[in-house]
Amino acid sequence: MINSIIRYSTLLVLLLALQFLLMDNIQFSGYINPVVYILFILLLPFEIQSWILLPLSFMTGLIVDIFNGTPGMHTSATVAAGFVRPYILSVVAPRDQYDQGMTPGLKGYGLKWFASYVTFIVIIHHFVLFYVEVFRFEDFFSTLLRVLLSSLFSVIFIILIQFTVIRR
């Protein structure tokens, strides 16, 4: 129990550092803003209860909001991602269900499963994040393009992070 708390806390700190030091500085004409801190929510164990998952999602988004000066945007998007995570897991579940004690990742379930799982949740996260930021439907299609491009790059970076972790 203590080992997993330390491991996930370390993961969160590393992902937040990567987000603040590198990913927040990557912007291509305002349309591509990769987000990797969501990987913390994605890699939590399958059996995690909602009463733990949602506060963890809230705290993760709140930390990002505090450091970025974006009141509530990342918090609402991360809580939405944490909320839909159990439903997405049930939709992309393998035929023989999930193994007890396993965590989501490339190592246990393969690239196809992990890519679909990450893509669904990242698109939902980015949809909420960018539409809360704009907060109007006036620029609906330009915001949708921003959601799709940022989601694509976020998924690519998340999968690259997983590949580097597997090699170690």
C-alpha atoms as a PDB file:
ATOM      1  CA  MET A   1       0.000   0.000   0.000  1.00  0.00           C
ATOM      2  CA  ILE A   2       2.710   2.475   1.009  1.00  0.00           C
ATOM      3  CA  ASN A   3       4.812   1.465  -2.024  1.00  0.00           C
ATOM      4  CA  SER A   4       1.956   2.213  -4.421  1.00  0.00           C
ATOM      5  CA  ILE A   5       1.273   5.586  -2.770  1.00  0.00           C
ATOM      6  CA  ILE A   6       4.940   6.522  -3.137  1.00  0.00           C
ATOM      7  CA  ARG A   7       5.035   5.240  -6.725  1.00  0.00           C
ATOM      8  CA  TYR A   8       1.917   7.162  -7.806  1.00  0.00           C
ATOM      9  CA  SER A   9       3.025  10.308  -5.970  1.00  0.00           C
ATOM     10  CA  THR A  10       6.372  10.155  -7.758  1.00  0.00           C
ATOM     11  CA  LEU A  11       4.578   9.597 -11.068  1.00  0.00           C
ATOM     12  CA  LEU A  12       2.373  12.637 -10.456  1.00  0.00           C
ATOM     13  CA  VAL A  13       5.329  14.874  -9.584  1.00  0.00           C
ATOM     14  CA  LEU A  14       7.278  13.726 -12.656  1.00  0.00           C
ATOM     15  CA  LEU A  15       4.313  14.203 -14.998  1.00  0.00           C
ATOM     16  CA  LEU A  16       3.553  17.646 -13.584  1.00  0.00           C
ATOM     17  CA  ALA A  17       7.202  18.663 -13.954  1.00  0.00           C
ATOM     18  CA  LEU A  18       7.202  17.412 -17.549  1.00  0.00           C
ATOM     19  CA  GLN A  19       3.974  19.318 -18.203  1.00  0.00           C
ATOM     20  CA  PHE A  20       5.146  22.609 -16.698  1.00  0.00           C
ATOM     21  CA  LEU A  21       8.730  22.573 -17.939  1.00  0.00           C
ATOM     22  CA  LEU A  22       8.297  21.160 -21.428  1.00  0.00           C
ATOM     23  CA  MET A  23       4.744  20.631 -22.656  1.00  0.00           C
ATOM     24  CA  ASP A  24       3.389  24.043 -21.660  1.00  0.00           C
ATOM     25  CA  ASN A  25       6.078  25.599 -23.855  1.00  0.00           C
ATOM     26  CA  ILE A  26       5.007  23.637 -26.953  1.00  0.00           C
ATOM     27  CA  GLN A  27       2.434  25.640 -28.899  1.00  0.00           C
ATOM     28  CA  PHE A  28       2.004  25.734 -32.629  1.00  0.00           C
ATOM     29  CA  SER A  29      -0.121  28.745 -33.573  1.00  0.00           C
ATOM     30  CA  GLY A  30      -2.419  28.097 -30.628  1.00  0.00           C
ATOM     31  CA  TYR A  31      -3.825  24.867 -32.047  1.00  0.00           C
ATOM     32  CA  ILE A  32      -1.527  22.264 -30.502  1.00  0.00           C
ATOM     33  CA  ASN A  33      -1.182  22.192 -26.737  1.00  0.00           C
ATOM     34  CA  PRO A  34      -0.103  18.694 -25.606  1.00  0.00           C
ATOM     35  CA  VAL A  35      -1.179  17.555 -22.157  1.00  0.00           C
ATOM     36  CA  VAL A  36       0.594  14.647 -20.456  1.00  0.00           C
ATOM     37  CA  TYR A  37      -0.375  15.073 -16.796  1.00  0.00           C
ATOM     38  CA  ILE A  38      -3.613  13.201 -17.552  1.00  0.00           C
ATOM     39  CA  LEU A  39      -1.489  10.048 -17.744  1.00  0.00           C
ATOM     40  CA  PHE A  40      -1.609   9.992 -13.937  1.00  0.00           C
ATOM     41  CA  ILE A  41      -5.374   9.413 -14.036  1.00  0.00           C
ATOM     42  CA  LEU A  42      -5.027   6.939 -16.907  1.00  0.00           C
ATOM     43  CA  LEU A  43      -2.507   4.736 -15.089  1.00  0.00           C
ATOM     44  CA  LEU A  44      -4.388   4.364 -11.812  1.00  0.00           C
ATOM     45  CA  PRO A  45      -5.395   0.757 -11.019  1.00  0.00           C
ATOM     46  CA  PHE A  46      -8.529  -0.728 -12.555  1.00  0.00           C
ATOM     47  CA  GLU A  47     -10.084  -1.397  -9.131  1.00  0.00           C
ATOM     48  CA  ILE A  48      -9.812   2.171  -7.827  1.00  0.00           C
ATOM     49  CA  GLN A  49     -13.061   3.364  -6.302  1.00  0.00           C
ATOM     50  CA  SER A  50     -14.815   6.484  -7.591  1.00  0.00           C
ATOM     51  CA  TRP A  51     -14.624   8.140  -4.183  1.00  0.00           C
ATOM     52  CA  ILE A  52     -10.825   8.025  -4.526  1.00  0.00           C
ATOM     53  CA  LEU A  53     -10.568   8.604  -8.290  1.00  0.00           C
ATOM     54  CA  LEU A  54     -12.599  11.815  -8.422  1.00  0.00           C
ATOM     55  CA  PRO A  55     -10.733  13.629  -5.590  1.00  0.00           C
ATOM     56  CA  LEU A  56      -7.419  12.564  -7.149  1.00  0.00           C
ATOM     57  CA  SER A  57      -8.637  13.958 -10.478  1.00  0.00           C
ATOM     58  CA  PHE A  58      -9.728  17.152  -8.762  1.00  0.00           C
ATOM     59  CA  MET A  59      -6.408  17.627  -6.963  1.00  0.00           C
ATOM     60  CA  THR A  60      -4.408  16.953 -10.133  1.00  0.00           C
ATOM     61  CA  GLY A  61      -6.396  19.525 -12.105  1.00  0.00           C
ATOM     62  CA  LEU A  62      -6.257  22.003  -9.232  1.00  0.00           C
ATOM     63  CA  ILE A  63      -2.457  21.789  -9.062  1.00  0.00           C
ATOM     64  CA  VAL A  64      -2.229  22.461 -12.804  1.00  0.00           C
ATOM     65  CA  ASP A  65      -4.681  25.359 -12.495  1.00  0.00           C
ATOM     66  CA  ILE A  66      -2.698  26.916  -9.657  1.00  0.00           C
ATOM     67  CA  PHE A  67       0.583  26.763 -11.564  1.00  0.00           C
ATOM     68  CA  ASN A  68      -0.909  27.896 -14.883  1.00  0.00           C
ATOM     69  CA  GLY A  69      -3.216  30.582 -13.490  1.00  0.00           C
ATOM     70  CA  THR A  70      -6.249  29.047 -15.172  1.00  0.00           C
ATOM     71  CA  PRO A  71      -9.027  29.035 -12.581  1.00  0.00           C
ATOM     72  CA  GLY A  72     -10.991  25.798 -12.868  1.00  0.00           C
ATOM     73  CA  MET A  73     -10.293  24.887 -16.492  1.00  0.00           C
ATOM     74  CA  HIS A  74      -7.948  21.968 -15.908  1.00  0.00           C
ATOM     75  CA  THR A  75      -9.819  20.947 -12.770  1.00  0.00           C
ATOM     76  CA  SER A  76     -13.116  20.581 -14.610  1.00  0.00           C
ATOM     77  CA  ALA A  77     -11.504  18.746 -17.525  1.00  0.00           C
ATOM     78  CA  THR A  78      -9.580  16.356 -15.283  1.00  0.00           C
ATOM     79  CA  VAL A  79     -12.639  15.603 -13.140  1.00  0.00           C
ATOM     80  CA  ALA A  80     -14.603  14.910 -16.346  1.00  0.00           C
ATOM     81  CA  ALA A  81     -11.849  12.531 -17.464  1.00  0.00           C
ATOM     82  CA  GLY A  82     -11.873  10.807 -14.078  1.00  0.00           C
ATOM     83  CA  PHE A  83     -15.651  10.556 -14.198  1.00  0.00           C
ATOM     84  CA  VAL A  84     -15.790   8.866 -17.619  1.00  0.00           C
ATOM     85  CA  ARG A  85     -12.783   6.598 -16.988  1.00  0.00           C
ATOM     86  CA  PRO A  86     -14.795   3.643 -15.565  1.00  0.00           C
ATOM     87  CA  TYR A  87     -17.222   3.810 -18.485  1.00  0.00           C
ATOM     88  CA  ILE A  88     -14.423   3.952 -21.056  1.00  0.00           C
ATOM     89  CA  LEU A  89     -12.720   1.019 -19.329  1.00  0.00           C
ATOM     90  CA  SER A  90     -15.925  -1.004 -19.620  1.00  0.00           C
ATOM     91  CA  VAL A  91     -16.258  -0.110 -23.320  1.00  0.00           C
ATOM     92  CA  VAL A  92     -12.668  -1.045 -24.248  1.00  0.00           C
ATOM     93  CA  ALA A  93     -12.516  -4.072 -21.930  1.00  0.00           C
ATOM     94  CA  PRO A  94     -10.799  -7.135 -23.369  1.00  0.00           C
ATOM     95  CA  ARG A  95     -12.829 -10.266 -23.926  1.00  0.00           C
ATOM     96  CA  ASP A  96     -11.529 -11.965 -20.780  1.00  0.00           C
ATOM     97  CA  GLN A  97     -11.911  -8.791 -18.665  1.00  0.00           C
ATOM     98  CA  TYR A  98      -9.143  -7.154 -16.650  1.00  0.00           C
ATOM     99  CA  ASP A  99      -6.727  -9.086 -14.474  1.00  0.00           C
ATOM    100  CA  GLN A 100      -6.911  -8.438 -10.743  1.00  0.00           C
ATOM    101  CA  GLY A 101      -4.097  -6.186  -9.530  1.00  0.00           C
ATOM    102  CA  MET A 102      -3.095  -4.991 -13.006  1.00  0.00           C
ATOM    103  CA  THR A 103      -2.838  -1.377 -14.053  1.00  0.00           C
ATOM    104  CA  PRO A 104      -3.668   0.032 -17.488  1.00  0.00           C
ATOM    105  CA  GLY A 105      -0.671   0.206 -19.772  1.00  0.00           C
ATOM    106  CA  LEU A 106       1.051  -0.934 -22.916  1.00  0.00           C
ATOM    107  CA  LYS A 107       2.866  -3.720 -21.124  1.00  0.00           C
ATOM    108  CA  GLY A 108      -0.202  -5.645 -20.024  1.00  0.00           C
ATOM    109  CA  TYR A 109      -2.746  -4.998 -22.764  1.00  0.00           C
ATOM    110  CA  GLY A 110      -0.886  -3.943 -25.901  1.00  0.00           C
ATOM    111  CA  LEU A 111      -0.711  -0.893 -28.118  1.00  0.00           C
ATOM    112  CA  LYS A 112      -4.147  -1.190 -29.740  1.00  0.00           C
ATOM    113  CA  TRP A 113      -6.005  -1.404 -26.431  1.00  0.00           C
ATOM    114  CA  PHE A 114      -3.929   1.310 -24.771  1.00  0.00           C
ATOM    115  CA  ALA A 115      -4.192   3.685 -27.733  1.00  0.00           C
ATOM    116  CA  SER A 116      -7.988   3.403 -27.860  1.00  0.00           C
ATOM    117  CA  TYR A 117      -8.299   3.818 -24.080  1.00  0.00           C
ATOM    118  CA  VAL A 118      -6.038   6.887 -24.058  1.00  0.00           C
ATOM    119  CA  THR A 119      -7.632   8.417 -27.151  1.00  0.00           C
ATOM    120  CA  PHE A 120     -11.176   8.309 -25.765  1.00  0.00           C
ATOM    121  CA  ILE A 121     -10.251   9.875 -22.440  1.00  0.00           C
ATOM    122  CA  VAL A 122      -7.871  12.469 -23.891  1.00  0.00           C
ATOM    123  CA  ILE A 123     -10.475  13.653 -26.407  1.00  0.00           C
ATOM    124  CA  ILE A 124     -13.062  14.030 -23.634  1.00  0.00           C
ATOM    125  CA  HIS A 125     -10.520  15.846 -21.447  1.00  0.00           C
ATOM    126  CA  HIS A 126      -9.497  18.218 -24.236  1.00  0.00           C
ATOM    127  CA  PHE A 127     -13.087  18.814 -25.327  1.00  0.00           C
ATOM    128  CA  VAL A 128     -14.038  19.973 -21.837  1.00  0.00           C
ATOM    129  CA  LEU A 129     -10.786  21.903 -21.361  1.00  0.00           C
ATOM    130  CA  PHE A 130     -10.908  23.936 -24.568  1.00  0.00           C
ATOM    131  CA  TYR A 131     -14.652  24.588 -24.561  1.00  0.00           C
ATOM    132  CA  VAL A 132     -14.515  25.751 -20.940  1.00  0.00           C
ATOM    133  CA  GLU A 133     -11.635  28.011 -21.950  1.00  0.00           C
ATOM    134  CA  VAL A 134     -13.537  29.526 -24.887  1.00  0.00           C
ATOM    135  CA  PHE A 135     -16.943  29.306 -23.138  1.00  0.00           C
ATOM    136  CA  ARG A 136     -18.968  30.053 -26.246  1.00  0.00           C
ATOM    137  CA  PHE A 137     -20.029  28.229 -29.377  1.00  0.00           C
ATOM    138  CA  GLU A 138     -19.147  31.127 -31.652  1.00  0.00           C
ATOM    139  CA  ASP A 139     -15.819  29.568 -32.673  1.00  0.00           C
ATOM    140  CA  PHE A 140     -17.078  25.996 -32.455  1.00  0.00           C
ATOM    141  CA  PHE A 141     -15.178  24.542 -35.418  1.00  0.00           C
ATOM    142  CA  SER A 142     -11.864  26.260 -34.731  1.00  0.00           C
ATOM    143  CA  THR A 143     -12.078  25.041 -31.128  1.00  0.00           C
ATOM    144  CA  LEU A 144     -12.957  21.546 -32.365  1.00  0.00           C
ATOM    145  CA  LEU A 145      -9.869  21.611 -34.588  1.00  0.00           C
ATOM    146  CA  ARG A 146      -7.822  22.650 -31.565  1.00  0.00           C
ATOM    147  CA  VAL A 147      -9.324  19.766 -29.561  1.00  0.00           C
ATOM    148  CA  LEU A 148      -8.507  17.210 -32.258  1.00  0.00           C
ATOM    149  CA  LEU A 149      -4.955  18.407 -32.967  1.00  0.00           C
ATOM    150  CA  SER A 150      -4.057  18.758 -29.297  1.00  0.00           C
ATOM    151  CA  SER A 151      -5.570  15.341 -28.583  1.00  0.00           C
ATOM    152  CA  LEU A 152      -3.531  13.765 -31.363  1.00  0.00           C
ATOM    153  CA  PHE A 153      -0.267  15.184 -30.054  1.00  0.00           C
ATOM    154  CA  SER A 154      -1.168  14.402 -26.435  1.00  0.00           C
ATOM    155  CA  VAL A 155      -1.880  10.762 -27.319  1.00  0.00           C
ATOM    156  CA  ILE A 156       1.411  10.525 -29.223  1.00  0.00           C
ATOM    157  CA  PHE A 157       3.377  11.934 -26.278  1.00  0.00           C
ATOM    158  CA  ILE A 158       1.566   9.676 -23.774  1.00  0.00           C
ATOM    159  CA  ILE A 159       2.311   6.583 -25.854  1.00  0.00           C
ATOM    160  CA  LEU A 160       5.957   7.666 -26.228  1.00  0.00           C
ATOM    161  CA  ILE A 161       6.190   8.063 -22.448  1.00  0.00           C
ATOM    162  CA  GLN A 162       4.762   4.562 -22.032  1.00  0.00           C
ATOM    163  CA  PHE A 163       7.290   3.121 -24.507  1.00  0.00           C
ATOM    164  CA  THR A 164      10.181   4.708 -22.604  1.00  0.00           C
ATOM    165  CA  VAL A 165       8.857   3.370 -19.294  1.00  0.00           C
ATOM    166  CA  ILE A 166       8.464  -0.171 -20.698  1.00  0.00           C
ATOM    167  CA  ARG A 167      12.059  -0.283 -21.897  1.00  0.00           C
ATOM    168  CA  ARG A 168      13.250   0.417 -18.364  1.00  0.00           C
END
